[in-house]
Amino acid sequence: MADQELDASGLNCPLPILRAKKALGGMEAGQILHIIATDPGSVKDFEAFAKQTGNELISSGEEGGKFVFDIKKS
């Protein structure tokens, strides 16, 4: 269960990443951010974002034509 949800539907790179970075900045370590995006590039973007920031991408998938991600703040 996510602690916070970010709906980045309709936004193109780099906005979903920037919004996620901002949301994670206000969260505590161990909390989970659930992200919904429509940009196909967001799949690779969030994988790279997690590696670069040290946060954990705990799930990545597609639901109803949208891309969903769960990132755990480190």
N, C-alpha and C. Protein backbone atom coordinates (compact mmCIF):
# COMPACT_ATOMS: atom_id res chain seq x y z
N MET A 1 0.84 -1.18 0.00
CA MET A 1 0.00 0.00 0.00
C MET A 1 0.89 1.24 0.00
N ALA A 2 0.61 2.14 -0.94
CA ALA A 2 1.41 3.35 -1.07
C ALA A 2 1.04 4.38 0.00
N ASP A 3 2.03 5.16 0.40
CA ASP A 3 1.81 6.23 1.36
C ASP A 3 1.31 7.50 0.66
N GLN A 4 1.67 7.62 -0.61
CA GLN A 4 1.27 8.80 -1.38
C GLN A 4 1.12 8.40 -2.84
N GLU A 5 0.22 9.08 -3.56
CA GLU A 5 0.01 8.79 -4.98
C GLU A 5 0.25 10.04 -5.80
N LEU A 6 0.90 9.83 -6.94
CA LEU A 6 1.17 10.92 -7.88
C LEU A 6 0.59 10.54 -9.23
N ASP A 7 -0.35 11.33 -9.72
CA ASP A 7 -0.94 11.08 -11.04
C ASP A 7 -0.27 12.01 -12.05
N ALA A 8 0.63 11.44 -12.85
CA ALA A 8 1.35 12.22 -13.86
C ALA A 8 0.80 11.93 -15.25
N SER A 9 -0.45 11.51 -15.31
CA SER A 9 -1.08 11.21 -16.60
C SER A 9 -1.10 12.46 -17.48
N GLY A 10 -0.79 12.28 -18.76
CA GLY A 10 -0.81 13.38 -19.70
C GLY A 10 0.46 14.21 -19.73
N LEU A 11 1.37 13.93 -18.80
CA LEU A 11 2.63 14.69 -18.76
C LEU A 11 3.72 13.93 -19.50
N ASN A 12 4.55 14.67 -20.23
CA ASN A 12 5.66 14.06 -20.95
C ASN A 12 6.97 14.34 -20.23
N CYS A 13 7.97 13.53 -20.57
CA CYS A 13 9.30 13.67 -20.00
C CYS A 13 9.78 15.12 -20.12
N PRO A 14 10.35 15.69 -19.12
CA PRO A 14 10.78 15.10 -17.84
C PRO A 14 9.80 15.36 -16.69
N LEU A 15 8.61 15.87 -16.98
CA LEU A 15 7.69 16.26 -15.90
C LEU A 15 7.32 15.15 -14.92
N PRO A 16 7.04 13.91 -15.36
CA PRO A 16 6.73 12.87 -14.36
C PRO A 16 7.88 12.65 -13.36
N ILE A 17 9.11 12.69 -13.86
CA ILE A 17 10.27 12.51 -12.99
C ILE A 17 10.41 13.69 -12.02
N LEU A 18 10.24 14.89 -12.54
CA LEU A 18 10.37 16.08 -11.69
C LEU A 18 9.30 16.11 -10.60
N ARG A 19 8.08 15.73 -10.95
CA ARG A 19 7.00 15.69 -9.95
C ARG A 19 7.27 14.61 -8.91
N ALA A 20 7.79 13.46 -9.37
CA ALA A 20 8.10 12.37 -8.44
C ALA A 20 9.22 12.79 -7.49
N LYS A 21 10.22 13.47 -8.02
CA LYS A 21 11.34 13.93 -7.19
C LYS A 21 10.83 14.88 -6.10
N LYS A 22 9.94 15.78 -6.49
CA LYS A 22 9.38 16.73 -5.54
C LYS A 22 8.55 16.01 -4.47
N ALA A 23 7.73 15.06 -4.90
CA ALA A 23 6.89 14.31 -3.96
C ALA A 23 7.75 13.51 -2.99
N LEU A 24 8.78 12.84 -3.49
CA LEU A 24 9.66 12.04 -2.64
C LEU A 24 10.40 12.92 -1.64
N GLY A 25 10.69 14.16 -2.04
CA GLY A 25 11.40 15.08 -1.16
C GLY A 25 10.63 15.37 0.12
N GLY A 26 9.31 15.27 0.06
CA GLY A 26 8.49 15.54 1.24
C GLY A 26 8.09 14.29 2.00
N MET A 27 8.68 13.17 1.61
CA MET A 27 8.33 11.90 2.24
C MET A 27 9.46 11.41 3.16
N GLU A 28 9.11 10.50 4.07
CA GLU A 28 10.08 9.92 4.99
C GLU A 28 10.69 8.65 4.38
N ALA A 29 11.89 8.33 4.80
CA ALA A 29 12.55 7.10 4.35
C ALA A 29 11.66 5.89 4.65
N GLY A 30 11.55 4.99 3.68
CA GLY A 30 10.73 3.79 3.84
C GLY A 30 9.31 3.95 3.31
N GLN A 31 8.88 5.18 3.06
CA GLN A 31 7.54 5.39 2.52
C GLN A 31 7.53 5.09 1.02
N ILE A 32 6.34 4.77 0.52
CA ILE A 32 6.20 4.37 -0.88
C ILE A 32 5.35 5.38 -1.64
N LEU A 33 5.88 5.77 -2.82
CA LEU A 33 5.17 6.67 -3.72
C LEU A 33 4.66 5.86 -4.90
N HIS A 34 3.35 5.92 -5.14
CA HIS A 34 2.72 5.24 -6.28
C HIS A 34 2.53 6.27 -7.37
N ILE A 35 3.08 5.99 -8.56
CA ILE A 35 3.05 6.93 -9.66
C ILE A 35 2.26 6.34 -10.82
N ILE A 36 1.40 7.16 -11.42
CA ILE A 36 0.64 6.78 -12.60
C ILE A 36 1.10 7.72 -13.72
N ALA A 37 1.51 7.15 -14.86
CA ALA A 37 1.98 7.95 -15.98
C ALA A 37 1.45 7.39 -17.30
N THR A 38 1.41 8.24 -18.31
CA THR A 38 0.96 7.81 -19.64
C THR A 38 2.08 7.87 -20.67
N ASP A 39 3.19 8.49 -20.34
CA ASP A 39 4.32 8.61 -21.25
C ASP A 39 5.07 7.28 -21.32
N PRO A 40 5.13 6.65 -22.52
CA PRO A 40 5.83 5.36 -22.64
C PRO A 40 7.30 5.45 -22.22
N GLY A 41 7.90 6.60 -22.37
CA GLY A 41 9.30 6.78 -21.98
C GLY A 41 9.51 6.74 -20.48
N SER A 42 8.42 6.85 -19.74
CA SER A 42 8.55 6.88 -18.28
C SER A 42 9.06 5.56 -17.72
N VAL A 43 8.88 4.46 -18.45
CA VAL A 43 9.35 3.16 -17.97
C VAL A 43 10.87 3.20 -17.77
N LYS A 44 11.59 3.60 -18.81
CA LYS A 44 13.06 3.68 -18.70
C LYS A 44 13.46 4.84 -17.79
N ASP A 45 12.70 5.93 -17.85
CA ASP A 45 13.02 7.10 -17.03
C ASP A 45 13.00 6.77 -15.54
N PHE A 46 11.97 6.05 -15.10
CA PHE A 46 11.87 5.75 -13.67
C PHE A 46 12.89 4.71 -13.22
N GLU A 47 13.28 3.80 -14.14
CA GLU A 47 14.34 2.85 -13.80
C GLU A 47 15.64 3.61 -13.56
N ALA A 48 15.95 4.54 -14.46
CA ALA A 48 17.18 5.33 -14.34
C ALA A 48 17.11 6.25 -13.12
N PHE A 49 15.95 6.84 -12.89
CA PHE A 49 15.75 7.75 -11.75
C PHE A 49 16.03 7.03 -10.43
N ALA A 50 15.50 5.81 -10.30
CA ALA A 50 15.70 5.04 -9.07
C ALA A 50 17.18 4.75 -8.85
N LYS A 51 17.88 4.35 -9.91
CA LYS A 51 19.31 4.05 -9.79
C LYS A 51 20.10 5.30 -9.41
N GLN A 52 19.79 6.41 -10.04
CA GLN A 52 20.54 7.65 -9.80
C GLN A 52 20.30 8.22 -8.41
N THR A 53 19.09 8.05 -7.89
CA THR A 53 18.76 8.67 -6.60
C THR A 53 18.94 7.74 -5.42
N GLY A 54 19.11 6.44 -5.69
CA GLY A 54 19.26 5.48 -4.61
C GLY A 54 17.93 5.02 -4.01
N ASN A 55 16.82 5.49 -4.59
CA ASN A 55 15.51 5.02 -4.15
C ASN A 55 15.23 3.69 -4.84
N GLU A 56 14.35 2.90 -4.26
CA GLU A 56 14.10 1.55 -4.77
C GLU A 56 12.82 1.51 -5.60
N LEU A 57 12.96 1.09 -6.86
CA LEU A 57 11.80 0.87 -7.72
C LEU A 57 11.29 -0.52 -7.39
N ILE A 58 10.22 -0.58 -6.56
CA ILE A 58 9.77 -1.89 -6.09
C ILE A 58 8.77 -2.55 -7.03
N SER A 59 8.13 -1.76 -7.90
CA SER A 59 7.29 -2.38 -8.92
C SER A 59 7.10 -1.42 -10.08
N SER A 60 6.92 -2.03 -11.25
CA SER A 60 6.74 -1.28 -12.48
C SER A 60 5.83 -2.12 -13.37
N GLY A 61 4.80 -1.51 -13.94
CA GLY A 61 3.90 -2.29 -14.77
C GLY A 61 2.95 -1.42 -15.55
N GLU A 62 1.96 -2.07 -16.13
CA GLU A 62 0.97 -1.37 -16.93
C GLU A 62 -0.42 -1.80 -16.48
N GLU A 63 -1.28 -0.82 -16.28
CA GLU A 63 -2.66 -1.10 -15.87
C GLU A 63 -3.59 -0.20 -16.67
N GLY A 64 -4.48 -0.79 -17.42
CA GLY A 64 -5.48 -0.02 -18.16
C GLY A 64 -4.89 1.01 -19.10
N GLY A 65 -3.79 0.66 -19.76
CA GLY A 65 -3.17 1.57 -20.71
C GLY A 65 -2.30 2.65 -20.08
N LYS A 66 -2.13 2.58 -18.77
CA LYS A 66 -1.27 3.55 -18.08
C LYS A 66 -0.12 2.79 -17.42
N PHE A 67 0.97 3.49 -17.23
CA PHE A 67 2.14 2.89 -16.59
C PHE A 67 2.11 3.23 -15.11
N VAL A 68 2.38 2.24 -14.28
CA VAL A 68 2.34 2.45 -12.82
C VAL A 68 3.67 2.01 -12.21
N PHE A 69 4.09 2.77 -11.22
CA PHE A 69 5.37 2.53 -10.55
C PHE A 69 5.19 2.71 -9.06
N ASP A 70 5.93 1.93 -8.29
CA ASP A 70 6.00 2.12 -6.84
C ASP A 70 7.47 2.31 -6.50
N ILE A 71 7.77 3.46 -5.90
CA ILE A 71 9.13 3.78 -5.52
C ILE A 71 9.18 3.94 -4.01
N LYS A 72 10.14 3.24 -3.40
CA LYS A 72 10.34 3.31 -1.95
C LYS A 72 11.49 4.28 -1.68
N LYS A 73 11.20 5.30 -0.89
CA LYS A 73 12.23 6.28 -0.57
C LYS A 73 13.28 5.67 0.35
N SER A 74 14.53 5.89 -0.02
CA SER A 74 15.63 5.32 0.79
C SER A 74 16.06 6.31 1.86
